[in-house]
Protein backbone atom coordinates (compact mmCIF):
# COMPACT_ATOMS: atom_id res chain seq x y z
CA MET A 1 64.28 114.05 117.10
CA LYS A 2 66.65 112.16 114.83
CA LEU A 3 64.94 109.34 112.94
CA THR A 4 66.37 105.84 112.76
CA ILE A 5 66.48 103.51 109.78
CA ARG A 6 63.85 101.34 111.47
CA GLU A 7 61.45 104.27 111.74
CA ILE A 8 61.95 105.11 108.08
CA ALA A 9 61.31 101.45 107.21
CA LYS A 10 58.11 101.42 109.28
CA MET A 11 56.85 104.57 107.57
CA ALA A 12 57.54 103.02 104.15
CA GLY A 13 56.12 99.64 105.08
CA VAL A 14 59.36 97.81 104.26
CA SER A 15 62.22 96.21 106.18
CA PRO A 16 65.27 98.13 107.46
CA GLY A 17 67.37 96.06 105.06
CA THR A 18 65.34 97.32 102.12
CA VAL A 19 65.85 100.93 103.22
CA SER A 20 69.58 100.26 103.51
CA LYS A 21 69.67 98.80 100.00
CA VAL A 22 67.91 101.88 98.63
CA ILE A 23 70.40 104.15 100.39
CA ASN A 24 73.37 102.18 99.07
CA GLN A 25 71.82 101.49 95.65
CA THR A 26 72.35 97.73 95.96
CA GLY A 27 70.19 94.65 95.58
CA SER A 28 67.08 93.97 93.47
CA ILE A 29 64.24 96.25 94.56
CA SER A 30 61.16 97.27 92.59
CA PRO A 31 61.08 100.80 91.17
CA ASN A 32 57.91 101.57 93.17
CA THR A 33 59.57 100.59 96.45
CA ILE A 34 62.63 102.66 95.65
CA LYS A 35 60.45 105.66 94.81
CA LYS A 36 58.42 105.29 98.03
CA VAL A 37 61.48 104.98 100.27
CA LYS A 38 63.23 107.92 98.61
CA ARG A 39 60.11 110.07 98.98
CA ILE A 40 59.94 109.41 102.73
CA ILE A 41 63.66 110.08 103.13
CA GLU A 42 63.27 113.38 101.28
CA GLU A 43 60.15 114.43 103.21
CA THR A 44 61.66 113.63 106.62
CA GLY A 45 65.14 114.95 105.85
CA TYR A 46 66.55 111.63 107.09
CA GLN A 47 70.36 111.38 107.16
CA PRO A 48 71.56 107.75 107.16
CA SER A 49 73.89 106.82 109.98
CA PHE A 50 77.26 105.18 109.57
CA SER A 51 75.86 101.74 110.43
CA ALA A 52 72.91 102.17 108.06
CA LYS A 53 75.25 102.87 105.15
CA ALA A 54 77.30 99.81 106.02
CA LEU A 55 74.37 97.47 106.53
CA ALA A 56 73.83 96.46 102.89
CA THR A 57 77.35 96.85 101.49
CA LYS A 58 79.01 95.12 104.47
CA LYS A 59 81.69 97.79 104.17
CA SER A 60 82.28 100.74 106.46
CA ASN A 61 84.98 102.49 104.38
CA MET A 62 86.97 102.66 107.62
CA ILE A 63 90.58 101.50 108.08
CA GLY A 64 92.11 100.69 111.46
CA LEU A 65 95.59 102.16 111.99
CA ILE A 66 97.50 100.14 114.57
CA TYR A 67 100.71 101.34 116.19
CA ALA A 68 101.99 97.93 117.26
CA GLY A 69 104.66 97.05 119.76
CA GLU A 70 106.61 99.60 121.78
CA VAL A 71 105.52 102.98 120.45
CA ASN A 72 107.53 105.28 122.68
CA VAL A 73 110.75 104.79 120.75
CA GLU A 74 110.06 105.08 117.06
CA PHE A 75 106.63 106.43 116.23
CA ASN A 76 107.42 110.09 116.64
CA HIS A 77 110.32 109.52 114.27
CA PRO A 78 109.98 111.53 111.03
CA PHE A 79 110.14 108.33 108.95
CA PHE A 80 106.89 107.00 110.38
CA ASN A 81 105.18 110.38 110.26
CA GLN A 82 105.87 110.64 106.54
CA VAL A 83 104.70 107.07 105.84
CA ILE A 84 101.44 107.70 107.72
CA ASN A 85 100.82 111.01 105.94
CA SER A 86 101.32 109.34 102.57
CA PHE A 87 99.02 106.45 103.54
CA LYS A 88 96.37 108.83 104.87
CA ASN A 89 96.32 110.84 101.64
CA ALA A 90 96.17 107.73 99.46
CA VAL A 91 93.37 105.95 101.38
CA GLY A 92 91.44 109.22 101.50
CA GLN A 93 91.47 109.32 97.71
CA LEU A 94 90.25 105.71 97.71
CA GLY A 95 87.29 106.71 99.89
CA TYR A 96 88.38 105.54 103.34
CA ASP A 97 88.57 107.18 106.74
CA ILE A 98 91.02 106.11 109.46
CA LEU A 99 90.39 104.97 113.02
CA ILE A 100 93.55 104.96 115.15
CA PHE A 101 94.09 102.15 117.68
CA SER A 102 96.53 102.16 120.54
CA ASN A 103 97.90 98.89 121.88
CA GLN A 104 96.21 99.37 125.23
CA SER A 105 93.47 97.08 126.57
CA PHE A 106 90.05 97.35 124.99
CA ASN A 107 86.86 97.67 127.02
CA ILE A 108 85.08 94.71 125.43
CA GLY A 109 87.57 92.24 126.83
CA LYS A 110 91.16 91.10 126.51
CA GLU A 111 93.33 93.07 124.10
CA ASP A 112 92.27 91.76 120.72
CA TYR A 113 92.60 93.65 117.46
CA VAL A 114 90.34 91.18 115.67
CA ALA A 115 87.49 91.90 118.11
CA ARG A 116 88.12 95.62 117.89
CA ALA A 117 88.13 95.60 114.07
CA LYS A 118 84.85 93.68 114.00
CA HIS A 119 83.33 95.88 116.70
CA TYR A 120 83.91 98.95 114.54
CA GLN A 121 83.06 97.13 111.29
CA LEU A 122 86.45 97.99 109.81
CA ASP A 123 87.20 97.02 106.23
CA GLY A 124 90.90 96.42 106.96
CA CYS A 125 93.89 97.39 109.09
CA LEU A 126 97.32 98.95 108.62
CA VAL A 127 99.96 97.91 111.16
CA ILE A 128 102.95 100.19 111.78
CA ALA A 129 105.47 98.01 113.57
CA GLY A 130 107.79 98.91 116.40
CA GLU A 131 109.72 96.49 118.58
CA HIS A 132 108.37 93.63 120.73
CA ILE A 133 105.14 93.13 118.81
CA GLU A 134 102.18 91.94 120.90
CA GLU A 135 100.60 88.57 120.13
CA ALA A 136 97.31 90.26 119.22
CA VAL A 137 98.91 91.55 116.00
CA TYR A 138 99.72 88.03 114.85
CA ARG A 139 96.16 86.90 115.61
CA LEU A 140 94.96 89.74 113.39
CA ASP A 141 97.38 88.59 110.68
CA GLN A 142 95.87 85.08 110.72
CA SER A 143 92.26 86.34 110.71
CA ASP A 144 90.00 87.06 107.74
CA ILE A 145 90.46 90.83 108.17
CA PRO A 146 92.55 92.38 105.36
CA THR A 147 95.79 93.58 106.94
CA VAL A 148 98.93 95.30 105.66
CA ALA A 149 102.02 95.93 107.78
CA VAL A 150 104.99 98.26 107.41
CA ASP A 151 108.30 96.81 108.68
CA LEU A 152 106.71 93.60 109.97
CA LYS A 153 106.55 90.24 108.19
CA LEU A 154 103.00 88.86 107.92
CA THR A 155 101.96 85.44 106.63
CA GLY A 156 98.14 85.41 106.68
CA GLU A 157 96.04 84.70 103.60
CA LYS A 158 94.49 88.17 103.83
CA SER A 159 97.75 89.93 104.68
CA SER A 160 100.71 91.60 103.01
CA PHE A 161 103.72 93.57 104.22
CA ILE A 162 105.99 96.31 102.90
CA MET A 163 109.47 97.36 103.92
CA THR A 164 112.57 98.91 102.46
CA ASP A 165 115.18 96.39 101.33
CA ASN A 166 117.26 96.76 104.50
CA GLU A 167 120.09 94.53 103.32
CA LYS A 168 120.45 96.69 100.21
CA ILE A 169 120.62 99.81 102.40
CA SER A 170 123.81 98.54 104.06
CA ARG A 171 125.30 97.12 100.87
CA GLN A 172 124.98 100.50 99.17
CA VAL A 173 126.79 102.24 102.04
CA VAL A 174 129.62 99.69 102.21
CA GLU A 175 130.07 99.73 98.44
CA TYR A 176 130.25 103.54 98.38
CA PHE A 177 132.89 103.59 101.11
CA TYR A 178 134.85 100.83 99.36
CA LEU A 179 134.83 102.53 95.96
CA ASN A 180 136.10 105.74 97.55
CA GLY A 181 139.03 104.25 99.41
CA LEU A 182 137.63 103.95 102.95
CA ARG A 183 138.44 100.66 104.66
CA GLN A 184 137.77 101.14 108.42
CA LEU A 185 134.02 101.28 109.09
CA ALA A 186 131.78 101.69 112.15
CA TYR A 187 128.06 101.01 112.58
CA ILE A 188 125.64 102.66 115.03
CA GLY A 189 122.28 100.92 114.99
CA GLY A 190 119.03 100.78 116.91
CA PRO A 191 118.38 98.70 120.04
CA VAL A 192 120.30 95.43 120.30
CA ASP A 193 117.08 93.44 119.80
CA SER A 194 115.73 95.57 116.93
CA VAL A 195 114.90 93.30 113.98
CA ILE A 196 115.32 96.01 111.32
CA SER A 197 118.54 97.37 112.81
CA ASN A 198 120.06 93.90 113.05
CA ILE A 199 119.25 93.17 109.41
CA ARG A 200 121.17 96.31 108.50
CA LYS A 201 124.01 95.47 110.90
CA ASP A 202 124.43 91.92 109.60
CA ALA A 203 124.38 93.07 105.98
CA PHE A 204 126.88 95.84 106.85
CA ILE A 205 129.32 93.37 108.44
CA GLN A 206 128.89 90.86 105.61
CA GLY A 207 129.57 93.61 103.07
CA ILE A 208 132.77 94.57 104.89
CA LYS A 209 133.91 90.94 104.79
CA ASP A 210 132.99 90.55 101.12
CA TYR A 211 135.08 93.59 100.16
CA GLY A 212 138.00 92.70 102.43
CA MET A 213 137.47 95.81 104.57
CA HIS A 214 137.82 96.09 108.34
CA TYR A 215 135.78 96.81 111.46
CA GLU A 216 136.41 96.45 115.19
CA GLU A 217 133.84 94.91 117.54
CA GLU A 218 133.90 98.09 119.63
CA TRP A 219 132.91 100.09 116.55
CA ILE A 220 129.53 98.29 116.45
CA LYS A 221 127.19 100.25 118.71
CA HIS A 222 123.49 100.23 119.54
CA GLY A 223 121.47 103.40 120.14
CA ASN A 224 117.72 104.07 119.97
CA TYR A 225 117.35 105.82 116.58
CA PHE A 226 117.40 109.32 118.13
CA GLU A 227 120.08 111.99 118.03
CA GLU A 228 121.32 111.81 121.61
CA SER A 229 122.09 108.11 121.34
CA GLY A 230 124.09 108.66 118.15
CA TYR A 231 126.00 111.41 119.93
CA LEU A 232 126.80 109.26 122.97
CA LYS A 233 127.80 106.17 120.96
CA MET A 234 130.12 108.18 118.73
CA LYS A 235 131.76 109.69 121.82
CA GLU A 236 132.47 106.13 122.98
CA ILE A 237 134.05 105.25 119.64
CA LEU A 238 136.22 108.37 119.76
CA GLN A 239 137.78 107.14 123.02
CA TYR A 240 139.47 104.19 121.30
CA ASP A 241 143.06 104.30 120.07
CA ARG A 242 142.08 102.96 116.68
CA LEU A 243 139.39 104.89 114.83
CA PRO A 244 137.23 104.26 111.76
CA ASP A 245 137.25 106.53 108.73
CA GLY A 246 133.60 105.91 107.84
CA VAL A 247 130.50 105.73 110.05
CA PHE A 248 127.08 104.40 109.05
CA ALA A 249 124.21 105.25 111.42
CA ALA A 250 120.93 103.36 111.06
CA SER A 251 118.89 106.57 111.24
CA ASP A 252 119.50 110.16 110.18
CA MET A 253 118.78 111.43 113.66
CA MET A 254 121.53 109.26 115.12
CA ALA A 255 123.83 110.38 112.29
CA LEU A 256 123.24 114.02 113.27
CA GLY A 257 124.33 113.08 116.80
CA VAL A 258 127.43 111.39 115.37
CA VAL A 259 128.38 114.59 113.53
CA ARG A 260 127.91 116.63 116.72
CA ALA A 261 130.20 114.32 118.71
CA ILE A 262 132.90 114.50 116.03
CA LYS A 263 132.78 118.30 115.98
CA GLU A 264 132.99 118.48 119.77
CA ALA A 265 136.14 116.34 119.59
CA GLY A 266 137.74 118.98 117.40
CA LYS A 267 137.61 116.87 114.27
CA SER A 268 135.93 117.43 110.94
CA VAL A 269 133.20 115.85 108.85
CA PRO A 270 133.97 114.89 106.12
CA HIS A 271 137.74 115.49 106.33
CA ASP A 272 138.42 113.17 109.29
CA PHE A 273 135.29 111.00 109.18
CA LYS A 274 132.72 110.32 106.50
CA VAL A 275 129.20 109.92 107.95
CA ILE A 276 126.12 108.43 106.29
CA GLY A 277 122.66 108.16 107.87
CA CYS A 278 119.45 106.48 106.82
CA ASP A 279 115.89 107.68 105.99
CA ASP A 280 116.48 111.05 104.27
CA ILE A 281 114.46 113.12 106.71
CA GLU A 282 114.10 116.81 105.89
CA ALA A 283 116.73 117.88 108.44
CA CYS A 284 119.44 116.20 106.33
CA ARG A 285 119.35 119.02 103.82
CA TYR A 286 119.83 121.78 106.38
CA SER A 287 122.40 120.31 108.78
CA SER A 288 126.00 121.50 108.70
CA PRO A 289 127.49 119.71 106.92
CA SER A 290 124.46 118.48 104.98
CA LEU A 291 123.95 114.81 105.74
CA ALA A 292 124.61 111.97 103.31
CA THR A 293 121.95 109.31 103.73
CA VAL A 294 120.17 106.30 102.30
CA LYS A 295 116.70 107.40 101.32
CA GLN A 296 113.75 105.26 102.24
CA ASP A 297 110.87 106.20 99.96
CA GLN A 298 108.27 106.97 102.64
CA VAL A 299 105.77 108.33 100.13
CA LYS A 300 105.97 105.18 98.01
CA ILE A 301 105.68 102.92 101.07
CA GLY A 302 102.56 104.77 102.23
CA LYS A 303 100.94 104.66 98.77
CA LEU A 304 101.75 100.97 98.35
CA ALA A 305 100.25 100.19 101.74
CA ALA A 306 97.04 102.03 100.84
CA ASN A 307 96.60 100.43 97.43
CA ILE A 308 97.52 96.91 98.51
CA LEU A 309 95.10 97.13 101.45
CA HIS A 310 92.37 98.40 99.11
CA ASP A 311 92.97 95.42 96.81
CA LEU A 312 92.88 92.97 99.74
CA ILE A 313 89.57 94.47 100.87
CA ASN A 314 88.17 93.94 97.39
CA ASN A 315 89.45 90.35 97.18
CA ARG A 316 92.06 91.07 94.53
CA LYS A 317 95.31 89.15 94.38
CA VAL A 318 98.32 90.99 95.81
CA GLN A 319 101.96 90.26 96.54
CA GLN A 320 102.61 88.70 99.94
CA SER A 321 105.55 91.05 100.41
CA VAL A 322 107.00 94.14 98.72
CA LEU A 323 110.59 95.30 99.18
CA VAL A 324 111.12 98.94 98.24
CA ASP A 325 114.53 99.90 96.82
CA PRO A 326 116.56 102.45 98.79
CA GLU A 327 118.56 105.27 97.20
CA LEU A 328 122.00 106.43 98.34
CA ILE A 329 122.16 110.23 98.47
CA ILE A 330 125.61 111.72 98.94
CA ARG A 331 125.77 115.15 100.54
CA GLU A 332 128.62 116.97 102.28
CA SER A 333 129.09 114.59 105.24
CA GLY A 334 129.94 111.74 102.87
CA GLU A 335 131.85 113.60 100.19
CA ILE A 336 135.34 112.52 99.24
CA ILE A 337 137.66 115.49 99.76
């Protein structure tokens, strides 16, 4: 039968808290007590449970991973997969395990990430943000639980957030088109109410105005970040009498759909249209033509999230927000012929 920490404490004639302190090597305990407790642990072959290890240190070395908002649209997107893999590797090296939360109701009451984090004795939480974020996320942000978000602004005293500089993403694309003689530009973004997509769209339109370039209202389209929507929205654009010479899609997957629609129409990329995507997913390198894109540094975002959360957990001062610089990568679909 598996022994409990209370049974070990009874056998040693000490409190469960003292046993926990011996296990975790914390607190002020006499050498004789330490020796006695360790001897009983060795003789019984006792293996401390998760809660016993956490009892004295008040830390579980567990991080809650929260997929917040509507997860059906974006979280199987390669961008998020790469961020999570980078975060997972970095927090693993820092000594943490991950517990994944869904945004479904929790059996101890109303949906509440604060209650769930405390129930599992989590040291902190990482929030990966989609669209239409639930109120429970903002309650977590304002709590005393260390929290870091990707692509969601947080304001709590124990919170920080990280995102790519989305305005700079669009400015880099517009500037590249401008410097290479393109003046008629189209934009295919995410859902009409997507915060990130609209930041990119607004910066794209402002850049066009700043450089004296041109766009038509019907050239501004909204997809869902996936290939089929890029394909369908580009087919709509191709029906107009007046056409752009450059297209910026707010995700690489939509950009791949844009290229497919152009090819089906009997036109060429990059001869008839220059196309640039966003994210730099692996498929960009192997598409035909290879896809020009704005790289978001998923590995850096994941590592930053891990290290900032670790610092928050250990009461170190961190930046409230971190904007990661994007990098324009020109491949065949954006080349000037």
